[in-house]
């Protein structure tokens, strides 16, 4: 609190930088999770062709997408 009293503008600028860093980290984490989820159902089949995901894998992927979306909506 003393920092704000002595240099209010610098304190607010620091808070802005901290929030920017946290936002960037969150964005990176969500992007990484999305890539992982996408890979779970878009991997190529054994012959390098179309994905060979079965219904259960797709159900689990959908559940994981919903869980991530719900968590993000609670932020």
N, C-alpha and C. Protein backbone atom coordinates (compact mmCIF):
# COMPACT_ATOMS: atom_id res chain seq x y z
N UNK A 1 0.82 -1.20 0.00
CA UNK A 1 0.00 0.00 0.00
C UNK A 1 0.86 1.26 0.00
N UNK A 2 2.00 1.22 0.70
CA UNK A 2 2.88 2.38 0.73
C UNK A 2 3.38 2.72 -0.66
N UNK A 3 3.60 1.70 -1.53
CA UNK A 3 4.03 1.95 -2.89
C UNK A 3 3.02 2.77 -3.66
N UNK A 4 1.76 2.50 -3.46
CA UNK A 4 0.72 3.25 -4.14
C UNK A 4 0.70 4.70 -3.68
N UNK A 5 0.84 4.89 -2.39
CA UNK A 5 0.81 6.25 -1.83
C UNK A 5 1.97 7.07 -2.39
N UNK A 6 3.14 6.43 -2.49
CA UNK A 6 4.32 7.15 -2.98
C UNK A 6 4.30 7.34 -4.49
N UNK A 7 3.87 6.32 -5.23
CA UNK A 7 3.88 6.38 -6.70
C UNK A 7 2.64 5.68 -7.25
N UNK A 8 1.50 6.36 -7.19
CA UNK A 8 0.26 5.70 -7.62
C UNK A 8 0.27 5.27 -9.09
N UNK A 9 0.79 6.11 -9.98
CA UNK A 9 0.80 5.75 -11.39
C UNK A 9 1.68 4.52 -11.62
N UNK A 10 2.83 4.46 -11.03
CA UNK A 10 3.72 3.31 -11.19
C UNK A 10 3.07 2.04 -10.63
N UNK A 11 2.34 2.16 -9.56
CA UNK A 11 1.65 1.00 -8.99
C UNK A 11 0.58 0.46 -9.93
N UNK A 12 -0.17 1.36 -10.54
CA UNK A 12 -1.20 0.94 -11.48
C UNK A 12 -0.56 0.36 -12.74
N UNK A 13 0.52 0.95 -13.22
CA UNK A 13 1.24 0.41 -14.39
C UNK A 13 1.76 -0.99 -14.10
N UNK A 14 2.27 -1.20 -12.89
CA UNK A 14 2.75 -2.53 -12.51
C UNK A 14 1.59 -3.53 -12.47
N UNK A 15 0.46 -3.12 -11.92
CA UNK A 15 -0.72 -3.99 -11.88
C UNK A 15 -1.15 -4.36 -13.30
N UNK A 16 -1.06 -3.40 -14.21
CA UNK A 16 -1.42 -3.66 -15.60
C UNK A 16 -0.47 -4.68 -16.22
N UNK A 17 0.83 -4.55 -15.97
CA UNK A 17 1.81 -5.51 -16.50
C UNK A 17 1.59 -6.91 -15.93
N UNK A 18 1.30 -6.97 -14.64
CA UNK A 18 1.06 -8.27 -14.01
C UNK A 18 -0.17 -8.94 -14.62
N UNK A 19 -1.24 -8.18 -14.80
CA UNK A 19 -2.45 -8.75 -15.40
C UNK A 19 -2.19 -9.19 -16.84
N UNK A 20 -1.41 -8.43 -17.58
CA UNK A 20 -1.07 -8.80 -18.95
C UNK A 20 -0.30 -10.12 -18.96
N UNK A 21 0.64 -10.30 -18.04
CA UNK A 21 1.41 -11.54 -17.97
C UNK A 21 0.53 -12.72 -17.59
N UNK A 22 -0.36 -12.52 -16.63
CA UNK A 22 -1.27 -13.59 -16.22
C UNK A 22 -2.18 -13.98 -17.38
N UNK A 23 -2.69 -12.98 -18.10
CA UNK A 23 -3.56 -13.24 -19.24
C UNK A 23 -2.82 -14.03 -20.32
N UNK A 24 -1.57 -13.67 -20.58
CA UNK A 24 -0.78 -14.38 -21.59
C UNK A 24 -0.54 -15.83 -21.16
N UNK A 25 -0.24 -16.04 -19.90
CA UNK A 25 -0.03 -17.41 -19.41
C UNK A 25 -1.30 -18.24 -19.50
N UNK A 26 -2.42 -17.64 -19.14
CA UNK A 26 -3.70 -18.34 -19.23
C UNK A 26 -4.02 -18.69 -20.69
N UNK A 27 -3.81 -17.73 -21.57
CA UNK A 27 -4.05 -17.98 -23.00
C UNK A 27 -3.17 -19.11 -23.51
N UNK A 28 -1.91 -19.11 -23.13
CA UNK A 28 -1.00 -20.18 -23.55
C UNK A 28 -1.46 -21.53 -23.01
N UNK A 29 -1.87 -21.56 -21.75
CA UNK A 29 -2.32 -22.81 -21.14
C UNK A 29 -3.58 -23.35 -21.82
N UNK A 30 -4.53 -22.47 -22.12
CA UNK A 30 -5.76 -22.88 -22.78
C UNK A 30 -5.45 -23.36 -24.21
N UNK A 31 -4.58 -22.66 -24.91
CA UNK A 31 -4.20 -23.07 -26.26
C UNK A 31 -3.53 -24.44 -26.25
N UNK A 32 -2.66 -24.67 -25.28
CA UNK A 32 -2.00 -25.98 -25.17
C UNK A 32 -3.02 -27.08 -24.90
N UNK A 33 -3.96 -26.82 -24.01
CA UNK A 33 -4.99 -27.81 -23.68
C UNK A 33 -5.85 -28.09 -24.91
N UNK A 34 -6.18 -27.05 -25.66
CA UNK A 34 -6.99 -27.23 -26.86
C UNK A 34 -6.25 -28.09 -27.88
N UNK A 35 -4.96 -27.84 -28.07
CA UNK A 35 -4.18 -28.65 -29.01
C UNK A 35 -4.17 -30.11 -28.57
N UNK A 36 -4.04 -30.35 -27.27
CA UNK A 36 -4.04 -31.71 -26.74
C UNK A 36 -5.40 -32.37 -26.98
N UNK A 37 -6.46 -31.64 -26.72
CA UNK A 37 -7.80 -32.19 -26.97
C UNK A 37 -7.99 -32.49 -28.44
N UNK A 38 -7.60 -31.57 -29.29
CA UNK A 38 -7.77 -31.77 -30.73
C UNK A 38 -7.00 -33.01 -31.19
N UNK A 39 -5.79 -33.17 -30.70
CA UNK A 39 -4.97 -34.31 -31.09
C UNK A 39 -5.61 -35.63 -30.67
N UNK A 40 -6.39 -35.60 -29.59
CA UNK A 40 -6.99 -36.84 -29.09
C UNK A 40 -8.04 -37.41 -30.05
N UNK A 41 -8.61 -36.57 -30.91
CA UNK A 41 -9.62 -37.09 -31.83
C UNK A 41 -9.30 -36.84 -33.30
N UNK A 42 -8.21 -36.12 -33.59
CA UNK A 42 -7.86 -35.86 -34.98
C UNK A 42 -6.64 -36.63 -35.46
N UNK A 43 -6.08 -37.49 -34.63
CA UNK A 43 -4.90 -38.23 -35.05
C UNK A 43 -5.23 -39.09 -36.26
N UNK A 44 -4.27 -39.19 -37.15
CA UNK A 44 -4.47 -39.98 -38.36
C UNK A 44 -4.59 -41.45 -38.03
N UNK A 45 -5.29 -42.17 -38.89
CA UNK A 45 -5.47 -43.61 -38.73
C UNK A 45 -4.16 -44.35 -38.96
N UNK A 46 -4.19 -45.65 -38.81
CA UNK A 46 -2.98 -46.46 -38.92
C UNK A 46 -2.29 -46.36 -40.29
N UNK A 47 -3.05 -46.10 -41.35
CA UNK A 47 -2.45 -45.99 -42.68
C UNK A 47 -2.15 -44.53 -43.05
N UNK A 48 -2.22 -43.64 -42.07
CA UNK A 48 -1.97 -42.22 -42.31
C UNK A 48 -3.16 -41.50 -42.92
N UNK A 49 -4.28 -42.19 -43.00
CA UNK A 49 -5.49 -41.62 -43.60
C UNK A 49 -6.36 -40.93 -42.58
N UNK A 50 -7.64 -41.11 -42.75
CA UNK A 50 -8.63 -40.47 -41.88
C UNK A 50 -8.46 -40.94 -40.44
N UNK A 51 -8.84 -40.09 -39.49
CA UNK A 51 -8.75 -40.48 -38.09
C UNK A 51 -9.52 -41.76 -37.81
N UNK A 52 -8.99 -42.55 -36.89
CA UNK A 52 -9.63 -43.83 -36.57
C UNK A 52 -10.28 -43.79 -35.19
N UNK A 53 -10.71 -42.62 -34.77
CA UNK A 53 -11.31 -42.48 -33.45
C UNK A 53 -12.66 -43.19 -33.40
N UNK A 54 -12.88 -43.85 -32.29
CA UNK A 54 -14.17 -44.52 -32.13
C UNK A 54 -15.12 -43.60 -31.35
N UNK A 55 -16.33 -44.03 -31.24
CA UNK A 55 -17.35 -43.22 -30.58
C UNK A 55 -16.98 -42.90 -29.14
N UNK A 56 -16.39 -43.83 -28.44
CA UNK A 56 -16.01 -43.60 -27.04
C UNK A 56 -14.94 -42.51 -26.94
N UNK A 57 -13.97 -42.53 -27.83
CA UNK A 57 -12.94 -41.49 -27.82
C UNK A 57 -13.58 -40.12 -28.09
N UNK A 58 -14.50 -40.09 -29.01
CA UNK A 58 -15.18 -38.83 -29.32
C UNK A 58 -16.04 -38.36 -28.15
N UNK A 59 -16.70 -39.29 -27.47
CA UNK A 59 -17.50 -38.93 -26.29
C UNK A 59 -16.61 -38.33 -25.22
N UNK A 60 -15.46 -38.94 -24.98
CA UNK A 60 -14.53 -38.44 -23.97
C UNK A 60 -13.98 -37.07 -24.36
N UNK A 61 -13.70 -36.90 -25.65
CA UNK A 61 -13.20 -35.60 -26.11
C UNK A 61 -14.25 -34.52 -25.89
N UNK A 62 -15.50 -34.84 -26.22
CA UNK A 62 -16.57 -33.86 -26.03
C UNK A 62 -16.73 -33.51 -24.55
N UNK A 63 -16.66 -34.52 -23.70
CA UNK A 63 -16.73 -34.28 -22.25
C UNK A 63 -15.61 -33.36 -21.80
N UNK A 64 -14.39 -33.58 -22.30
CA UNK A 64 -13.25 -32.74 -21.92
C UNK A 64 -13.41 -31.31 -22.44
N UNK A 65 -13.94 -31.15 -23.65
CA UNK A 65 -14.20 -29.80 -24.16
C UNK A 65 -15.21 -29.08 -23.28
N UNK A 66 -16.27 -29.77 -22.92
CA UNK A 66 -17.31 -29.15 -22.07
C UNK A 66 -16.73 -28.76 -20.71
N UNK A 67 -15.93 -29.64 -20.14
CA UNK A 67 -15.32 -29.35 -18.84
C UNK A 67 -14.43 -28.11 -18.92
N UNK A 68 -13.63 -28.02 -19.96
CA UNK A 68 -12.76 -26.86 -20.12
C UNK A 68 -13.59 -25.59 -20.32
N UNK A 69 -14.60 -25.65 -21.16
CA UNK A 69 -15.46 -24.49 -21.39
C UNK A 69 -16.15 -24.05 -20.10
N UNK A 70 -16.64 -25.00 -19.32
CA UNK A 70 -17.28 -24.68 -18.04
C UNK A 70 -16.30 -23.99 -17.09
N UNK A 71 -15.10 -24.52 -17.03
CA UNK A 71 -14.08 -23.91 -16.14
C UNK A 71 -13.76 -22.49 -16.58
N UNK A 72 -13.66 -22.27 -17.89
CA UNK A 72 -13.36 -20.93 -18.37
C UNK A 72 -14.51 -19.97 -18.10
N UNK A 73 -15.74 -20.44 -18.21
CA UNK A 73 -16.90 -19.58 -17.96
C UNK A 73 -17.00 -19.17 -16.49
N UNK A 74 -16.42 -19.95 -15.60
CA UNK A 74 -16.47 -19.62 -14.17
C UNK A 74 -15.40 -18.60 -13.77
N UNK A 75 -14.50 -18.26 -14.68
CA UNK A 75 -13.44 -17.29 -14.34
C UNK A 75 -14.00 -15.90 -14.19
